């Protein structure tokens, strides 16, 4: 039983940690784009980097799965 619980807990928690690293990696670019929407910056290309909505929903889903798994245990 403990092995099943550990798998059901660690797999979603690992995804959440990976998403936290994703947020950490791109946060500066997201903040720069949101604060300077009208600025012309020659060092960046014309594409705008924005957070991916699906990844954020996956983060909250996996956080809920971790909580549900803990609650059921």
N, C-alpha and C. Protein backbone atom coordinates (compact mmCIF):
# COMPACT_ATOMS: atom_id res chain seq x y z
N UNK A 1 0.81 -1.20 0.00
CA UNK A 1 0.00 0.00 0.00
C UNK A 1 0.85 1.26 0.00
N UNK A 2 1.91 1.24 0.76
CA UNK A 2 2.74 2.44 0.84
C UNK A 2 3.43 2.71 -0.49
N UNK A 3 3.75 1.65 -1.22
CA UNK A 3 4.37 1.83 -2.54
C UNK A 3 3.42 2.50 -3.52
N UNK A 4 2.17 2.09 -3.51
CA UNK A 4 1.16 2.69 -4.37
C UNK A 4 0.95 4.16 -3.99
N UNK A 5 0.89 4.43 -2.70
CA UNK A 5 0.73 5.80 -2.25
C UNK A 5 1.92 6.66 -2.68
N UNK A 6 3.10 6.12 -2.53
CA UNK A 6 4.29 6.90 -2.87
C UNK A 6 4.33 7.22 -4.37
N UNK A 7 3.89 6.29 -5.20
CA UNK A 7 3.84 6.55 -6.64
C UNK A 7 2.77 7.60 -6.95
N UNK A 8 1.59 7.46 -6.33
CA UNK A 8 0.51 8.41 -6.57
C UNK A 8 0.82 9.79 -6.02
N UNK A 9 1.77 9.88 -5.10
CA UNK A 9 2.15 11.18 -4.55
C UNK A 9 3.33 11.79 -5.30
N UNK A 10 4.35 10.98 -5.58
CA UNK A 10 5.58 11.54 -6.13
C UNK A 10 5.48 11.90 -7.62
N UNK A 11 4.70 11.17 -8.38
CA UNK A 11 4.59 11.49 -9.81
C UNK A 11 3.96 12.86 -10.03
N UNK A 12 2.79 13.16 -9.44
CA UNK A 12 2.25 14.51 -9.62
C UNK A 12 3.13 15.59 -8.99
N UNK A 13 3.74 15.29 -7.85
CA UNK A 13 4.61 16.27 -7.20
C UNK A 13 5.82 16.58 -8.08
N UNK A 14 6.33 15.59 -8.79
CA UNK A 14 7.45 15.81 -9.71
C UNK A 14 7.04 16.72 -10.86
N UNK A 15 5.84 16.54 -11.38
CA UNK A 15 5.35 17.43 -12.43
C UNK A 15 5.22 18.86 -11.92
N UNK A 16 4.74 19.03 -10.70
CA UNK A 16 4.60 20.37 -10.13
C UNK A 16 5.96 21.02 -9.98
N UNK A 17 6.95 20.30 -9.53
CA UNK A 17 8.30 20.85 -9.40
C UNK A 17 8.85 21.24 -10.77
N UNK A 18 8.60 20.42 -11.78
CA UNK A 18 9.04 20.76 -13.14
C UNK A 18 8.37 22.02 -13.65
N UNK A 19 7.10 22.20 -13.33
CA UNK A 19 6.39 23.41 -13.76
C UNK A 19 6.91 24.62 -13.02
N UNK A 20 7.31 24.45 -11.75
CA UNK A 20 7.92 25.56 -11.02
C UNK A 20 9.23 25.99 -11.68
N UNK A 21 10.02 25.04 -12.16
CA UNK A 21 11.24 25.38 -12.88
C UNK A 21 10.92 26.09 -14.20
N UNK A 22 9.87 25.68 -14.87
CA UNK A 22 9.41 26.35 -16.10
C UNK A 22 9.06 27.81 -15.80
N UNK A 23 8.31 28.04 -14.71
CA UNK A 23 7.96 29.39 -14.33
C UNK A 23 9.20 30.22 -14.00
N UNK A 24 10.12 29.62 -13.28
CA UNK A 24 11.34 30.33 -12.90
C UNK A 24 12.16 30.72 -14.13
N UNK A 25 12.21 29.85 -15.11
CA UNK A 25 13.01 30.07 -16.31
C UNK A 25 12.49 31.25 -17.13
N UNK A 26 11.17 31.34 -17.28
CA UNK A 26 10.58 32.32 -18.19
C UNK A 26 9.95 33.53 -17.50
N UNK A 27 9.99 33.61 -16.18
CA UNK A 27 9.31 34.69 -15.48
C UNK A 27 9.84 36.07 -15.88
N UNK A 28 11.13 36.22 -16.02
CA UNK A 28 11.70 37.53 -16.38
C UNK A 28 11.20 38.00 -17.75
N UNK A 29 11.13 37.10 -18.70
CA UNK A 29 10.64 37.47 -20.04
C UNK A 29 9.16 37.82 -20.00
N UNK A 30 8.38 37.08 -19.21
CA UNK A 30 6.95 37.38 -19.10
C UNK A 30 6.72 38.74 -18.46
N UNK A 31 7.48 39.03 -17.41
CA UNK A 31 7.33 40.33 -16.75
C UNK A 31 7.76 41.46 -17.67
N UNK A 32 8.83 41.25 -18.41
CA UNK A 32 9.28 42.28 -19.34
C UNK A 32 8.24 42.54 -20.42
N UNK A 33 7.63 41.50 -20.93
CA UNK A 33 6.61 41.67 -21.96
C UNK A 33 5.36 42.33 -21.41
N UNK A 34 4.99 42.02 -20.18
CA UNK A 34 3.77 42.61 -19.63
C UNK A 34 3.98 44.06 -19.21
N UNK A 35 5.18 44.41 -18.78
CA UNK A 35 5.44 45.77 -18.33
C UNK A 35 5.78 46.71 -19.48
N UNK A 36 6.32 46.17 -20.55
CA UNK A 36 6.77 47.01 -21.65
C UNK A 36 6.12 46.53 -22.94
N UNK A 37 4.82 46.65 -22.99
CA UNK A 37 4.07 46.16 -24.15
C UNK A 37 4.32 47.01 -25.39
N UNK A 38 4.48 48.32 -25.22
CA UNK A 38 4.63 49.21 -26.37
C UNK A 38 6.08 49.54 -26.70
N UNK A 39 7.02 49.01 -25.93
CA UNK A 39 8.43 49.34 -26.14
C UNK A 39 8.98 48.59 -27.36
N UNK A 40 9.92 49.24 -28.02
CA UNK A 40 10.63 48.59 -29.12
C UNK A 40 12.01 48.20 -28.59
N UNK A 41 12.21 46.92 -28.45
CA UNK A 41 13.49 46.44 -27.95
C UNK A 41 14.19 45.72 -29.10
N UNK A 42 15.32 46.23 -29.51
CA UNK A 42 16.02 45.67 -30.66
C UNK A 42 16.70 44.35 -30.35
N UNK A 43 16.92 44.05 -29.07
CA UNK A 43 17.62 42.81 -28.75
C UNK A 43 16.70 41.60 -28.82
N UNK A 44 15.41 41.81 -28.81
CA UNK A 44 14.46 40.69 -28.87
C UNK A 44 13.81 40.66 -30.25
N UNK A 45 13.34 39.50 -30.62
CA UNK A 45 12.64 39.39 -31.89
C UNK A 45 11.23 39.93 -31.74
N UNK A 46 10.47 39.91 -32.81
CA UNK A 46 9.12 40.46 -32.78
C UNK A 46 8.14 39.54 -32.07
N UNK A 47 8.51 38.31 -31.79
CA UNK A 47 7.60 37.40 -31.11
C UNK A 47 7.56 37.72 -29.62
N UNK A 48 6.38 37.57 -29.04
CA UNK A 48 6.17 37.86 -27.63
C UNK A 48 6.02 36.55 -26.89
N UNK A 49 6.78 36.40 -25.83
CA UNK A 49 6.72 35.19 -25.02
C UNK A 49 5.68 35.38 -23.94
N UNK A 50 4.70 34.48 -23.89
CA UNK A 50 3.64 34.55 -22.89
C UNK A 50 3.52 33.20 -22.20
N UNK A 51 3.00 33.20 -20.96
CA UNK A 51 2.81 31.93 -20.26
C UNK A 51 1.81 31.05 -20.99
N UNK A 52 2.02 29.75 -20.89
CA UNK A 52 1.13 28.80 -21.52
C UNK A 52 0.01 28.45 -20.53
N UNK A 53 -1.22 28.70 -20.94
CA UNK A 53 -2.38 28.47 -20.07
C UNK A 53 -2.50 27.00 -19.69
N UNK A 54 -2.22 26.10 -20.62
CA UNK A 54 -2.35 24.67 -20.36
C UNK A 54 -1.40 24.21 -19.27
N UNK A 55 -0.20 24.76 -19.26
CA UNK A 55 0.77 24.37 -18.24
C UNK A 55 0.30 24.82 -16.86
N UNK A 56 -0.27 26.01 -16.78
CA UNK A 56 -0.78 26.47 -15.49
C UNK A 56 -1.96 25.64 -15.01
N UNK A 57 -2.83 25.25 -15.89
CA UNK A 57 -3.95 24.39 -15.49
C UNK A 57 -3.44 23.01 -15.07
N UNK A 58 -2.40 22.53 -15.74
CA UNK A 58 -1.81 21.25 -15.34
C UNK A 58 -1.19 21.35 -13.95
N UNK A 59 -0.57 22.51 -13.66
CA UNK A 59 0.02 22.69 -12.33
C UNK A 59 -1.04 22.59 -11.25
N UNK A 60 -2.16 23.27 -11.43
CA UNK A 60 -3.21 23.23 -10.42
C UNK A 60 -3.87 21.86 -10.36
N UNK A 61 -4.00 21.19 -11.49
CA UNK A 61 -4.54 19.83 -11.49
C UNK A 61 -3.65 18.89 -10.69
N UNK A 62 -2.34 18.95 -10.92
CA UNK A 62 -1.43 18.07 -10.22
C UNK A 62 -1.34 18.43 -8.74
N UNK A 63 -1.46 19.70 -8.40
CA UNK A 63 -1.51 20.08 -6.99
C UNK A 63 -2.74 19.49 -6.32
N UNK A 64 -3.87 19.50 -7.02
CA UNK A 64 -5.08 18.89 -6.46
C UNK A 64 -4.94 17.39 -6.32
N UNK A 65 -4.31 16.75 -7.29
CA UNK A 65 -4.11 15.30 -7.21
C UNK A 65 -3.25 14.95 -6.00
N UNK A 66 -2.20 15.74 -5.75
CA UNK A 66 -1.35 15.49 -4.58
C UNK A 66 -2.17 15.64 -3.30
N UNK A 67 -3.01 16.66 -3.23
CA UNK A 67 -3.85 16.87 -2.04
C UNK A 67 -4.88 15.79 -1.87
N UNK A 68 -5.49 15.36 -2.95
CA UNK A 68 -6.49 14.29 -2.86
C UNK A 68 -5.84 12.99 -2.43
N UNK A 69 -4.69 12.70 -2.98
CA UNK A 69 -3.96 11.48 -2.60
C UNK A 69 -3.62 11.49 -1.12
N UNK A 70 -3.15 12.63 -0.63
CA UNK A 70 -2.83 12.74 0.79
C UNK A 70 -4.07 12.62 1.64
N UNK A 71 -5.16 13.23 1.24
CA UNK A 71 -6.39 13.15 1.99
C UNK A 71 -6.97 11.76 2.05
N UNK A 72 -6.85 11.01 0.96
CA UNK A 72 -7.37 9.65 0.94
C UNK A 72 -6.53 8.69 1.77
N UNK A 73 -5.27 9.02 1.92
CA UNK A 73 -4.39 8.14 2.68
C UNK A 73 -4.78 8.18 4.14
